[in-house]
Every structure is written in structure tokens, then in C-alpha cells.
């Protein structure tokens, strides 16, 4: 192959692997803005819209510190008790050790989730157990560094942007009516600058 063609191919591969940085707040799948419903400052206890299901979630000095409790025999989970038919959930998180960070939604049971691990980003739907992964993006997610995550869902679609890298998926089960959203952490992590925007599920 001609050297120029090789250089072009290499440039294309680089663009595919490392897309041009988009604005972190640019919509992924939503075509209109959503009203902001929650912006906890993590300087005071969480309000009544939040419920700790598992683990220890401690807000202080603008950061939510999350630690797994071994006796729970389950990863830490924090519920936001508002069902959202369309949602934007944005935050920054930092791994304090090996583990995972998840943003998901439930109906009468789990519906869908975005999962971040040290190896990258994935989207899964929960019509079966264990969760059915329907999209994956490999990229390094380092411990001890802050990462920006934006998650959106609407209808049968879910999407995420992690540090400028985007992933989208579609599955009929994702259209299940939502009763709440949630955050979950494998082992230990910190969260800051959390915002939830959305359109509430119709009764």
C-alpha cells in the first residue's frame, strides 16, 4: 500500500478510536432540553427524593463518598425515587480502587443500565438475568482520576458519553415505563457535580 494511503488509514483509525472532543453537555439522543429535577450539592444530607438501598453514601464538602458494606453482600446502590420517561444524568466520578460505576433505571424491576469499569463502557438491558450487554466501548478508565459521564434514555434508546467517548444502544425492553433511577458502585468511589434532568413517567 502507498505510504500516503497508510497515513490516511492511520489517521482514520485514530479518529475512530479517539473521536473529536464534543461538548460534554451536547445531547446524545434527546432532541430537546429537559427540566432539571435534582442537583444535590453534597454539602448536606440528601433530601427525601433519595434513598440509600445498599452501602454507605456520605455527602461532604461537595463530594459524595461511596463505600461498600461487606455485610450487605451487594454493591452500594442509591435510588432517586422519580420515574423518568426521558432522562439526562450527568456527574463526575472517581474510582478509589478496583470496581465499577453504574447508572440505571427501574420499572417494577431493573430495566437498563450504563456500566463503567476499568476496561471501558457498556450498555445493558435487564429483560434477562444476568443483564444482557447490548453495546460496548473499550477505553481505559483510570483509578484516582475524575471522569465525566453523561447518560441519556428515551423510548427504547439509551446512550452514554464517558470523557468524550460516546456509546448508544437500542432495545425494546428499554422502553419499559420507569419508576426510578439509580447509581451503583463496585467497592468504593466518589461522585460530584451530579445533575438529573428529565420528563416524568406518566401515571
C-alpha atoms as a PDB file:
ATOM      1  CA  UNK A   1       0.000   0.000   0.000  1.00  0.00           C
ATOM      2  CA  UNK A   2       1.223   3.510  -0.804  1.00  0.00           C
ATOM      3  CA  UNK A   3       2.682   5.396   2.206  1.00  0.00           C
ATOM      4  CA  UNK A   4       0.135   8.201   1.755  1.00  0.00           C
ATOM      5  CA  UNK A   5      -2.695   5.672   1.888  1.00  0.00           C
ATOM      6  CA  UNK A   6      -1.179   4.159   5.015  1.00  0.00           C
ATOM      7  CA  UNK A   7      -1.021   7.569   6.662  1.00  0.00           C
ATOM      8  CA  UNK A   8      -4.652   8.249   5.705  1.00  0.00           C
ATOM      9  CA  UNK A   9      -5.717   4.880   7.065  1.00  0.00           C
ATOM     10  CA  UNK A  10      -3.821   5.508  10.289  1.00  0.00           C
ATOM     11  CA  UNK A  11      -5.457   8.918  10.644  1.00  0.00           C
ATOM     12  CA  UNK A  12      -8.903   7.411  10.085  1.00  0.00           C
ATOM     13  CA  UNK A  13      -8.227   4.712  12.675  1.00  0.00           C
ATOM     14  CA  UNK A  14      -7.111   7.355  15.138  1.00  0.00           C
ATOM     15  CA  UNK A  15     -10.301   9.341  14.567  1.00  0.00           C
ATOM     16  CA  UNK A  16     -12.415   6.245  15.067  1.00  0.00           C
ATOM     17  CA  UNK A  17     -10.607   5.324  18.259  1.00  0.00           C
ATOM     18  CA  UNK A  18     -10.438   8.861  19.610  1.00  0.00           C
ATOM     19  CA  UNK A  19     -13.367  10.914  18.287  1.00  0.00           C
ATOM     20  CA  UNK A  20     -13.071  14.667  18.176  1.00  0.00           C
ATOM     21  CA  UNK A  21     -13.906  16.064  21.593  1.00  0.00           C
ATOM     22  CA  UNK A  22     -17.552  17.132  21.771  1.00  0.00           C
ATOM     23  CA  UNK A  23     -19.009  19.452  24.336  1.00  0.00           C
ATOM     24  CA  UNK A  24     -19.783  17.358  27.407  1.00  0.00           C
ATOM     25  CA  UNK A  25     -23.311  18.755  27.518  1.00  0.00           C
ATOM     26  CA  UNK A  26     -24.142  18.144  23.848  1.00  0.00           C
ATOM     27  CA  UNK A  27     -27.227  15.881  23.583  1.00  0.00           C
ATOM     28  CA  UNK A  28     -26.705  12.253  22.603  1.00  0.00           C
ATOM     29  CA  UNK A  29     -30.189  11.047  21.655  1.00  0.00           C
ATOM     30  CA  UNK A  30     -32.520  13.724  23.015  1.00  0.00           C
ATOM     31  CA  UNK A  31     -33.748  16.388  20.624  1.00  0.00           C
ATOM     32  CA  UNK A  32     -34.956  18.901  23.232  1.00  0.00           C
ATOM     33  CA  UNK A  33     -33.860  20.179  26.649  1.00  0.00           C
ATOM     34  CA  UNK A  34     -35.252  18.576  29.800  1.00  0.00           C
ATOM     35  CA  UNK A  35     -36.123  20.322  33.088  1.00  0.00           C
ATOM     36  CA  UNK A  36     -33.562  19.937  35.873  1.00  0.00           C
ATOM     37  CA  UNK A  37     -35.031  17.875  38.719  1.00  0.00           C
ATOM     38  CA  UNK A  38     -32.098  17.318  41.074  1.00  0.00           C
ATOM     39  CA  UNK A  39     -28.743  18.992  41.683  1.00  0.00           C
ATOM     40  CA  UNK A  40     -27.573  17.875  45.134  1.00  0.00           C
ATOM     41  CA  UNK A  41     -24.607  19.911  46.345  1.00  0.00           C
ATOM     42  CA  UNK A  42     -23.277  17.118  48.595  1.00  0.00           C
ATOM     43  CA  UNK A  43     -22.681  19.578  51.413  1.00  0.00           C
ATOM     44  CA  UNK A  44     -25.734  18.386  53.340  1.00  0.00           C
ATOM     45  CA  UNK A  45     -27.760  15.178  53.728  1.00  0.00           C
ATOM     46  CA  UNK A  46     -29.661  14.058  50.646  1.00  0.00           C
ATOM     47  CA  UNK A  47     -33.333  15.040  50.508  1.00  0.00           C
ATOM     48  CA  UNK A  48     -36.390  12.772  50.586  1.00  0.00           C
ATOM     49  CA  UNK A  49     -36.233  12.035  46.831  1.00  0.00           C
ATOM     50  CA  UNK A  50     -33.166   9.879  47.502  1.00  0.00           C
ATOM     51  CA  UNK A  51     -33.000   6.500  49.202  1.00  0.00           C
ATOM     52  CA  UNK A  52     -29.905   4.508  50.127  1.00  0.00           C
ATOM     53  CA  UNK A  53     -30.551   0.845  49.284  1.00  0.00           C
ATOM     54  CA  UNK A  54     -27.101  -0.582  49.958  1.00  0.00           C
ATOM     55  CA  UNK A  55     -23.705   0.663  51.055  1.00  0.00           C
ATOM     56  CA  UNK A  56     -22.662   3.921  52.682  1.00  0.00           C
ATOM     57  CA  UNK A  57     -23.217   7.180  50.752  1.00  0.00           C
ATOM     58  CA  UNK A  58     -21.743  10.138  52.643  1.00  0.00           C
ATOM     59  CA  UNK A  59     -22.046  13.705  51.301  1.00  0.00           C
ATOM     60  CA  UNK A  60     -19.425  16.208  52.494  1.00  0.00           C
ATOM     61  CA  UNK A  61     -17.616  19.203  51.017  1.00  0.00           C
ATOM     62  CA  UNK A  62     -19.277  18.843  47.619  1.00  0.00           C
ATOM     63  CA  UNK A  63     -18.394  15.175  47.181  1.00  0.00           C
ATOM     64  CA  UNK A  64     -20.455  12.025  47.725  1.00  0.00           C
ATOM     65  CA  UNK A  65     -18.196   9.305  49.135  1.00  0.00           C
ATOM     66  CA  UNK A  66     -19.394   5.766  48.463  1.00  0.00           C
ATOM     67  CA  UNK A  67     -18.177   2.702  50.349  1.00  0.00           C
ATOM     68  CA  UNK A  68     -19.353  -0.889  50.167  1.00  0.00           C
ATOM     69  CA  UNK A  69     -20.520  -2.534  53.400  1.00  0.00           C
ATOM     70  CA  UNK A  70     -19.403  -6.198  53.387  1.00  0.00           C
ATOM     71  CA  UNK A  71     -22.418  -7.277  55.442  1.00  0.00           C
ATOM     72  CA  UNK A  72     -24.737  -6.088  52.662  1.00  0.00           C
ATOM     73  CA  UNK A  73     -23.302  -8.676  50.268  1.00  0.00           C
ATOM     74  CA  UNK A  74     -24.256  -6.269  47.481  1.00  0.00           C
ATOM     75  CA  UNK A  75     -22.683  -3.293  45.760  1.00  0.00           C
ATOM     76  CA  UNK A  76     -23.688   0.155  47.086  1.00  0.00           C
ATOM     77  CA  UNK A  77     -26.911   1.433  45.463  1.00  0.00           C
ATOM     78  CA  UNK A  78     -28.552   4.857  45.696  1.00  0.00           C
ATOM     79  CA  UNK A  79     -32.106   5.317  44.351  1.00  0.00           C
ATOM     80  CA  UNK A  80     -33.627   8.527  43.042  1.00  0.00           C
ATOM     81  CA  UNK A  81     -37.318   7.885  43.546  1.00  0.00           C
ATOM     82  CA  UNK A  82     -38.619   9.625  40.429  1.00  0.00           C
ATOM     83  CA  UNK A  83     -39.604   7.707  37.306  1.00  0.00           C
ATOM     84  CA  UNK A  84     -38.270   9.334  34.159  1.00  0.00           C
ATOM     85  CA  UNK A  85     -39.560   8.562  30.660  1.00  0.00           C
ATOM     86  CA  UNK A  86     -36.715  10.677  29.283  1.00  0.00           C
ATOM     87  CA  UNK A  87     -33.616  11.464  31.287  1.00  0.00           C
ATOM     88  CA  UNK A  88     -30.220  13.099  31.361  1.00  0.00           C
ATOM     89  CA  UNK A  89     -27.967  12.125  34.248  1.00  0.00           C
ATOM     90  CA  UNK A  90     -24.576  13.804  34.419  1.00  0.00           C
ATOM     91  CA  UNK A  91     -21.851  13.541  37.020  1.00  0.00           C
ATOM     92  CA  UNK A  92     -18.183  13.147  37.666  1.00  0.00           C
ATOM     93  CA  UNK A  93     -16.894  10.051  39.447  1.00  0.00           C
ATOM     94  CA  UNK A  94     -13.566   8.708  40.658  1.00  0.00           C
ATOM     95  CA  UNK A  95     -12.643   5.120  41.421  1.00  0.00           C
ATOM     96  CA  UNK A  96     -10.921   4.731  44.785  1.00  0.00           C
ATOM     97  CA  UNK A  97      -9.875   1.190  43.901  1.00  0.00           C
ATOM     98  CA  UNK A  98     -10.808  -1.608  41.502  1.00  0.00           C
ATOM     99  CA  UNK A  99     -14.514  -1.642  40.763  1.00  0.00           C
ATOM    100  CA  UNK A 100     -17.322  -0.244  38.663  1.00  0.00           C
ATOM    101  CA  UNK A 101     -19.687   2.715  38.387  1.00  0.00           C
ATOM    102  CA  UNK A 102     -23.255   2.279  37.151  1.00  0.00           C
ATOM    103  CA  UNK A 103     -26.210   4.472  36.240  1.00  0.00           C
ATOM    104  CA  UNK A 104     -29.501   2.694  35.662  1.00  0.00           C
ATOM    105  CA  UNK A 105     -33.287   2.782  35.724  1.00  0.00           C
ATOM    106  CA  UNK A 106     -36.021   0.519  37.062  1.00  0.00           C
ATOM    107  CA  UNK A 107     -39.668  -0.192  36.384  1.00  0.00           C
ATOM    108  CA  UNK A 108     -41.148  -2.926  38.574  1.00  0.00           C
ATOM    109  CA  UNK A 109     -37.666  -4.433  38.203  1.00  0.00           C
ATOM    110  CA  UNK A 110     -34.390  -3.389  36.565  1.00  0.00           C
ATOM    111  CA  UNK A 111     -34.793  -2.012  33.030  1.00  0.00           C
ATOM    112  CA  UNK A 112     -31.413  -0.825  31.769  1.00  0.00           C
ATOM    113  CA  UNK A 113     -28.002   0.355  32.849  1.00  0.00           C
ATOM    114  CA  UNK A 114     -24.771   2.002  31.807  1.00  0.00           C
ATOM    115  CA  UNK A 115     -21.721   0.296  33.286  1.00  0.00           C
ATOM    116  CA  UNK A 116     -18.226   1.753  33.586  1.00  0.00           C
ATOM    117  CA  UNK A 117     -15.249  -0.414  34.534  1.00  0.00           C
ATOM    118  CA  UNK A 118     -11.505  -0.001  34.220  1.00  0.00           C
ATOM    119  CA  UNK A 119     -11.796  -1.576  30.746  1.00  0.00           C
ATOM    120  CA  UNK A 120     -14.439   0.767  29.353  1.00  0.00           C
ATOM    121  CA  UNK A 121     -18.112   1.498  28.900  1.00  0.00           C
ATOM    122  CA  UNK A 122     -21.136  -0.707  28.209  1.00  0.00           C
ATOM    123  CA  UNK A 123     -24.930  -0.539  27.994  1.00  0.00           C
ATOM    124  CA  UNK A 124     -27.143  -3.414  29.125  1.00  0.00           C
ATOM    125  CA  UNK A 125     -30.846  -4.223  29.271  1.00  0.00           C
ATOM    126  CA  UNK A 126     -32.388  -6.290  32.052  1.00  0.00           C
ATOM    127  CA  UNK A 127     -35.124  -8.383  30.460  1.00  0.00           C
ATOM    128  CA  UNK A 128     -32.980 -11.413  31.344  1.00  0.00           C
ATOM    129  CA  UNK A 129     -30.606 -12.341  34.163  1.00  0.00           C
ATOM    130  CA  UNK A 130     -27.761 -11.632  34.179  1.00  0.00           C
ATOM    131  CA  UNK A 131     -28.094  -8.344  32.319  1.00  0.00           C
ATOM    132  CA  UNK A 132     -27.826  -8.554  28.541  1.00  0.00           C
ATOM    133  CA  UNK A 133     -24.996  -6.303  27.300  1.00  0.00           C
ATOM    134  CA  UNK A 134     -26.057  -4.720  24.011  1.00  0.00           C
ATOM    135  CA  UNK A 135     -23.213  -2.258  23.329  1.00  0.00           C
ATOM    136  CA  UNK A 136     -19.586  -1.994  24.440  1.00  0.00           C
ATOM    137  CA  UNK A 137     -16.790   0.535  24.062  1.00  0.00           C
ATOM    138  CA  UNK A 138     -13.289  -0.324  25.220  1.00  0.00           C
ATOM    139  CA  UNK A 139     -11.252   2.501  26.735  1.00  0.00           C
ATOM    140  CA  UNK A 140      -9.043   2.834  29.814  1.00  0.00           C
ATOM    141  CA  UNK A 141     -10.714   4.314  32.895  1.00  0.00           C
ATOM    142  CA  UNK A 142      -8.030   5.045  35.466  1.00  0.00           C
ATOM    143  CA  UNK A 143      -8.335   4.903  39.219  1.00  0.00           C
ATOM    144  CA  UNK A 144      -7.702   8.073  41.193  1.00  0.00           C
ATOM    145  CA  UNK A 145      -8.812  10.370  38.344  1.00  0.00           C
ATOM    146  CA  UNK A 146     -12.092  12.208  37.858  1.00  0.00           C
ATOM    147  CA  UNK A 147     -14.162  11.086  34.866  1.00  0.00           C
ATOM    148  CA  UNK A 148     -17.178  12.812  33.337  1.00  0.00           C
ATOM    149  CA  UNK A 149     -20.219  10.683  32.492  1.00  0.00           C
ATOM    150  CA  UNK A 150     -23.444  11.672  30.745  1.00  0.00           C
ATOM    151  CA  UNK A 151     -26.271   9.140  30.438  1.00  0.00           C
ATOM    152  CA  UNK A 152     -29.480   9.619  28.438  1.00  0.00           C
ATOM    153  CA  UNK A 153     -32.513   7.489  27.784  1.00  0.00           C
ATOM    154  CA  UNK A 154     -35.734   7.966  25.881  1.00  0.00           C
ATOM    155  CA  UNK A 155     -38.133   5.385  24.487  1.00  0.00           C
ATOM    156  CA  UNK A 156     -36.212   2.259  23.504  1.00  0.00           C
ATOM    157  CA  UNK A 157     -32.830   4.026  23.372  1.00  0.00           C
ATOM    158  CA  UNK A 158     -30.044   4.560  25.896  1.00  0.00           C
ATOM    159  CA  UNK A 159     -26.759   6.392  25.380  1.00  0.00           C
ATOM    160  CA  UNK A 160     -23.680   7.438  27.317  1.00  0.00           C
ATOM    161  CA  UNK A 161     -20.688   9.693  26.906  1.00  0.00           C
ATOM    162  CA  UNK A 162     -17.612   8.987  29.034  1.00  0.00           C
ATOM    163  CA  UNK A 163     -14.775  11.516  28.840  1.00  0.00           C
ATOM    164  CA  UNK A 164     -15.876  12.469  25.315  1.00  0.00           C
ATOM    165  CA  UNK A 165     -16.305   8.890  24.048  1.00  0.00           C
ATOM    166  CA  UNK A 166     -19.867   8.003  23.035  1.00  0.00           C
ATOM    167  CA  UNK A 167     -21.911   4.811  23.035  1.00  0.00           C
ATOM    168  CA  UNK A 168     -25.553   4.225  22.055  1.00  0.00           C
ATOM    169  CA  UNK A 169     -27.897   1.244  22.080  1.00  0.00           C
ATOM    170  CA  UNK A 170     -31.499   0.378  21.260  1.00  0.00           C
ATOM    171  CA  UNK A 171     -33.646  -2.437  22.670  1.00  0.00           C
ATOM    172  CA  UNK A 172     -37.409  -2.778  23.006  1.00  0.00           C
ATOM    173  CA  UNK A 173     -37.144  -3.552  26.734  1.00  0.00           C
ATOM    174  CA  UNK A 174     -35.565  -0.152  27.400  1.00  0.00           C
ATOM    175  CA  UNK A 175     -38.978   1.388  26.608  1.00  0.00           C
ATOM    176  CA  UNK A 176     -40.438  -0.175  29.788  1.00  0.00           C
ATOM    177  CA  UNK A 177     -42.069   2.558  31.952  1.00  0.00           C
ATOM    178  CA  UNK A 178     -39.611   3.779  34.587  1.00  0.00           C
ATOM    179  CA  UNK A 179     -40.305   4.168  38.315  1.00  0.00           C
ATOM    180  CA  UNK A 180     -36.870   5.405  39.457  1.00  0.00           C
ATOM    181  CA  UNK A 181     -33.232   5.845  38.518  1.00  0.00           C
ATOM    182  CA  UNK A 182     -30.168   4.775  40.455  1.00  0.00           C
ATOM    183  CA  UNK A 183     -26.430   4.947  40.931  1.00  0.00           C
ATOM    184  CA  UNK A 184     -24.319   1.973  41.971  1.00  0.00           C
ATOM    185  CA  UNK A 185     -20.651   1.485  42.769  1.00  0.00           C
ATOM    186  CA  UNK A 186     -18.457  -1.586  42.923  1.00  0.00           C
ATOM    187  CA  UNK A 187     -16.363  -1.318  46.125  1.00  0.00           C
ATOM    188  CA  UNK A 188     -15.528   2.397  46.580  1.00  0.00           C
ATOM    189  CA  UNK A 189     -15.777   5.635  44.608  1.00  0.00           C
ATOM    190  CA  UNK A 190     -16.526   9.338  44.869  1.00  0.00           C
ATOM    191  CA  UNK A 191     -19.166  11.341  42.971  1.00  0.00           C
ATOM    192  CA  UNK A 192     -19.528  15.087  42.422  1.00  0.00           C
ATOM    193  CA  UNK A 193     -21.415  17.574  40.212  1.00  0.00           C
ATOM    194  CA  UNK A 194     -24.455  15.318  39.836  1.00  0.00           C
ATOM    195  CA  UNK A 195     -27.431  16.625  37.865  1.00  0.00           C
ATOM    196  CA  UNK A 196     -30.614  14.787  36.938  1.00  0.00           C
ATOM    197  CA  UNK A 197     -32.906  16.252  34.287  1.00  0.00           C
ATOM    198  CA  UNK A 198     -35.961  14.550  32.927  1.00  0.00           C
ATOM    199  CA  UNK A 199     -39.564  14.161  31.927  1.00  0.00           C
ATOM    200  CA  UNK A 200     -41.508  12.184  34.477  1.00  0.00           C
ATOM    201  CA  UNK A 201     -43.163   8.900  33.588  1.00  0.00           C
ATOM    202  CA  UNK A 202     -46.892   9.417  33.029  1.00  0.00           C
ATOM    203  CA  UNK A 203     -49.138   7.611  35.553  1.00  0.00           C
END
